[in-house]
Amino acid sequence: MIQKIYAIWIYVNNIQESIDFYEGILEMKFKLREEDWIEFDLDGTSFAILQRQPKQGPLKPQKMRTMFQVNDIEKMKAKFLDNNVKLIGDIREEKYGKVLTFEDPNGHWLELFEPIE
């Protein structure tokens, strides 16, 4: 029986650039670092980044949707625009809330989600 998602992790090309993005722009809470493995705490679920080694070949960005819940999607969109974060479209109004797709520095597609109150 699955109880919860323990961790989601992705490969990155530049660990410091990715730390700056996830901690600085997305404001994720730093959890731990072990060499080229960094974890951020998302209320019991870990989101981790791992430096891709050159011997593994080029990084292939993932277009899967990892969705992060926020309480002010408009504020985050403005922050993304101020920091030249690539947006994939605009904020979409869905029946369950607002969604914004964006790209991290490595080309991975991610989403922000603001639920309907």
C-alpha atoms as a PDB file:
ATOM      1  CA  MET A   1       0.000   0.000   0.000  1.00  0.00           C
ATOM      2  CA  ILE A   2       1.384   3.401  -0.973  1.00  0.00           C
ATOM      3  CA  GLN A   3       1.260   5.861   1.917  1.00  0.00           C
ATOM      4  CA  LYS A   4       2.701   9.058   0.397  1.00  0.00           C
ATOM      5  CA  ILE A   5       5.312  10.399  -1.980  1.00  0.00           C
ATOM      6  CA  TYR A   6       8.611  10.408  -0.112  1.00  0.00           C
ATOM      7  CA  ALA A   7      10.684  12.200  -2.740  1.00  0.00           C
ATOM      8  CA  ILE A   8      10.761  13.531  -6.273  1.00  0.00           C
ATOM      9  CA  TRP A   9      14.168  14.162  -7.808  1.00  0.00           C
ATOM     10  CA  ILE A  10      15.574  15.428 -11.065  1.00  0.00           C
ATOM     11  CA  TYR A  11      18.980  15.716 -12.700  1.00  0.00           C
ATOM     12  CA  VAL A  12      20.444  19.181 -13.228  1.00  0.00           C
ATOM     13  CA  ASN A  13      23.400  20.519 -15.220  1.00  0.00           C
ATOM     14  CA  ASN A  14      24.576  23.118 -12.710  1.00  0.00           C
ATOM     15  CA  ILE A  15      23.915  22.423  -9.044  1.00  0.00           C
ATOM     16  CA  GLN A  16      24.484  26.008  -7.828  1.00  0.00           C
ATOM     17  CA  GLU A  17      22.290  27.539 -10.537  1.00  0.00           C
ATOM     18  CA  SER A  18      19.567  25.070  -9.571  1.00  0.00           C
ATOM     19  CA  ILE A  19      19.947  25.796  -5.840  1.00  0.00           C
ATOM     20  CA  ASP A  20      19.608  29.512  -6.625  1.00  0.00           C
ATOM     21  CA  PHE A  21      16.446  28.794  -8.634  1.00  0.00           C
ATOM     22  CA  TYR A  22      14.687  26.387  -6.269  1.00  0.00           C
ATOM     23  CA  GLU A  23      15.707  28.053  -3.007  1.00  0.00           C
ATOM     24  CA  GLY A  24      15.899  31.655  -4.211  1.00  0.00           C
ATOM     25  CA  ILE A  25      13.084  32.030  -6.719  1.00  0.00           C
ATOM     26  CA  LEU A  26      10.710  29.215  -5.700  1.00  0.00           C
ATOM     27  CA  GLU A  27      11.554  29.754  -1.994  1.00  0.00           C
ATOM     28  CA  MET A  28      11.823  26.050  -1.213  1.00  0.00           C
ATOM     29  CA  LYS A  29      13.042  25.167   2.278  1.00  0.00           C
ATOM     30  CA  PHE A  30      16.548  23.656   2.220  1.00  0.00           C
ATOM     31  CA  LYS A  31      16.690  20.251   3.913  1.00  0.00           C
ATOM     32  CA  LEU A  32      20.108  18.675   3.298  1.00  0.00           C
ATOM     33  CA  ARG A  33      23.108  18.418   1.011  1.00  0.00           C
ATOM     34  CA  GLU A  34      25.267  15.371   0.375  1.00  0.00           C
ATOM     35  CA  GLU A  35      27.864  16.234  -2.271  1.00  0.00           C
ATOM     36  CA  ASP A  36      25.878  16.677  -5.508  1.00  0.00           C
ATOM     37  CA  TRP A  37      22.504  15.719  -3.965  1.00  0.00           C
ATOM     38  CA  ILE A  38      20.345  18.536  -2.554  1.00  0.00           C
ATOM     39  CA  GLU A  39      16.958  18.059  -0.873  1.00  0.00           C
ATOM     40  CA  PHE A  40      14.290  20.629  -0.156  1.00  0.00           C
ATOM     41  CA  ASP A  41      11.487  19.931   2.333  1.00  0.00           C
ATOM     42  CA  LEU A  42       7.935  20.300   1.049  1.00  0.00           C
ATOM     43  CA  ASP A  43       5.969  19.510   4.194  1.00  0.00           C
ATOM     44  CA  GLY A  44       7.102  15.905   4.492  1.00  0.00           C
ATOM     45  CA  THR A  45       7.894  15.273   0.831  1.00  0.00           C
ATOM     46  CA  SER A  46      11.423  15.837  -0.417  1.00  0.00           C
ATOM     47  CA  PHE A  47      12.123  17.515  -3.727  1.00  0.00           C
ATOM     48  CA  ALA A  48      15.716  16.786  -4.689  1.00  0.00           C
ATOM     49  CA  ILE A  49      18.156  17.843  -7.371  1.00  0.00           C
ATOM     50  CA  LEU A  50      21.155  15.785  -8.438  1.00  0.00           C
ATOM     51  CA  GLN A  51      24.130  17.030 -10.444  1.00  0.00           C
ATOM     52  CA  ARG A  52      24.272  15.059 -13.701  1.00  0.00           C
ATOM     53  CA  GLN A  53      27.739  13.675 -14.328  1.00  0.00           C
ATOM     54  CA  PRO A  54      29.297  14.223 -17.790  1.00  0.00           C
ATOM     55  CA  LYS A  55      29.845  10.455 -18.240  1.00  0.00           C
ATOM     56  CA  GLN A  56      26.045  10.047 -18.128  1.00  0.00           C
ATOM     57  CA  GLY A  57      25.667  12.037 -21.334  1.00  0.00           C
ATOM     58  CA  PRO A  58      23.624  15.165 -21.949  1.00  0.00           C
ATOM     59  CA  LEU A  59      20.694  16.035 -19.727  1.00  0.00           C
ATOM     60  CA  LYS A  60      17.281  15.430 -21.265  1.00  0.00           C
ATOM     61  CA  PRO A  61      14.761  17.843 -19.735  1.00  0.00           C
ATOM     62  CA  GLN A  62      11.574  16.231 -18.478  1.00  0.00           C
ATOM     63  CA  LYS A  63       8.178  17.531 -19.500  1.00  0.00           C
ATOM     64  CA  MET A  64       6.296  15.662 -16.776  1.00  0.00           C
ATOM     65  CA  ARG A  65       4.247  17.826 -14.492  1.00  0.00           C
ATOM     66  CA  THR A  66       5.350  18.183 -10.901  1.00  0.00           C
ATOM     67  CA  MET A  67       2.873  20.581  -9.335  1.00  0.00           C
ATOM     68  CA  PHE A  68       3.773  22.825  -6.382  1.00  0.00           C
ATOM     69  CA  GLN A  69       0.942  24.375  -4.371  1.00  0.00           C
ATOM     70  CA  VAL A  70       1.199  28.114  -3.663  1.00  0.00           C
ATOM     71  CA  ASN A  71      -1.087  30.624  -2.007  1.00  0.00           C
ATOM     72  CA  ASP A  72      -0.533  33.506  -4.482  1.00  0.00           C
ATOM     73  CA  ILE A  73       0.095  32.389  -8.059  1.00  0.00           C
ATOM     74  CA  GLU A  74      -0.044  35.954  -9.418  1.00  0.00           C
ATOM     75  CA  LYS A  75       2.779  37.000  -7.078  1.00  0.00           C
ATOM     76  CA  MET A  76       4.871  34.018  -8.188  1.00  0.00           C
ATOM     77  CA  LYS A  77       4.225  34.824 -11.863  1.00  0.00           C
ATOM     78  CA  ALA A  78       5.470  38.380 -11.291  1.00  0.00           C
ATOM     79  CA  LYS A  79       8.570  37.007  -9.556  1.00  0.00           C
ATOM     80  CA  PHE A  80       9.174  34.641 -12.482  1.00  0.00           C
ATOM     81  CA  LEU A  81       8.915  37.526 -14.960  1.00  0.00           C
ATOM     82  CA  ASP A  82      11.337  39.617 -12.855  1.00  0.00           C
ATOM     83  CA  ASN A  83      13.820  36.702 -12.897  1.00  0.00           C
ATOM     84  CA  ASN A  84      13.436  35.773 -16.585  1.00  0.00           C
ATOM     85  CA  VAL A  85      11.899  32.378 -15.784  1.00  0.00           C
ATOM     86  CA  LYS A  86      10.457  30.862 -18.969  1.00  0.00           C
ATOM     87  CA  LEU A  87       6.676  30.548 -18.746  1.00  0.00           C
ATOM     88  CA  ILE A  88       4.827  27.923 -20.771  1.00  0.00           C
ATOM     89  CA  GLY A  89       1.665  29.854 -21.507  1.00  0.00           C
ATOM     90  CA  ASP A  90      -0.136  31.946 -18.911  1.00  0.00           C
ATOM     91  CA  ILE A  91      -2.082  31.221 -15.729  1.00  0.00           C
ATOM     92  CA  ARG A  92      -4.937  28.853 -16.566  1.00  0.00           C
ATOM     93  CA  GLU A  93      -8.219  28.836 -14.677  1.00  0.00           C
ATOM     94  CA  GLU A  94      -9.269  25.234 -14.102  1.00  0.00           C
ATOM     95  CA  LYS A  95     -12.319  24.029 -12.189  1.00  0.00           C
ATOM     96  CA  TYR A  96     -10.047  22.996  -9.297  1.00  0.00           C
ATOM     97  CA  GLY A  97      -7.878  26.159  -9.231  1.00  0.00           C
ATOM     98  CA  LYS A  98      -5.263  28.191 -11.073  1.00  0.00           C
ATOM     99  CA  VAL A  99      -2.265  26.568 -12.796  1.00  0.00           C
ATOM    100  CA  LEU A 100       0.934  28.040 -14.249  1.00  0.00           C
ATOM    101  CA  THR A 101       3.473  25.940 -16.173  1.00  0.00           C
ATOM    102  CA  PHE A 102       7.092  27.080 -16.242  1.00  0.00           C
ATOM    103  CA  GLU A 103      10.584  25.823 -17.023  1.00  0.00           C
ATOM    104  CA  ASP A 104      13.510  25.506 -14.608  1.00  0.00           C
ATOM    105  CA  PRO A 105      17.071  26.404 -15.690  1.00  0.00           C
ATOM    106  CA  ASN A 106      17.554  22.867 -17.061  1.00  0.00           C
ATOM    107  CA  GLY A 107      14.435  22.834 -19.241  1.00  0.00           C
ATOM    108  CA  HIS A 108      12.285  20.707 -16.881  1.00  0.00           C
ATOM    109  CA  TRP A 109       8.612  21.652 -16.986  1.00  0.00           C
ATOM    110  CA  LEU A 110       6.997  22.257 -13.596  1.00  0.00           C
ATOM    111  CA  GLU A 111       3.713  23.772 -12.448  1.00  0.00           C
ATOM    112  CA  LEU A 112       2.372  26.022  -9.751  1.00  0.00           C
ATOM    113  CA  PHE A 113      -1.117  25.382  -8.413  1.00  0.00           C
ATOM    114  CA  GLU A 114      -3.358  27.699  -6.398  1.00  0.00           C
ATOM    115  CA  PRO A 115      -6.476  25.879  -5.198  1.00  0.00           C
ATOM    116  CA  ILE A 116      -9.937  27.399  -5.211  1.00  0.00           C
ATOM    117  CA  GLU A 117     -10.881  28.527  -1.728  1.00  0.00           C
END
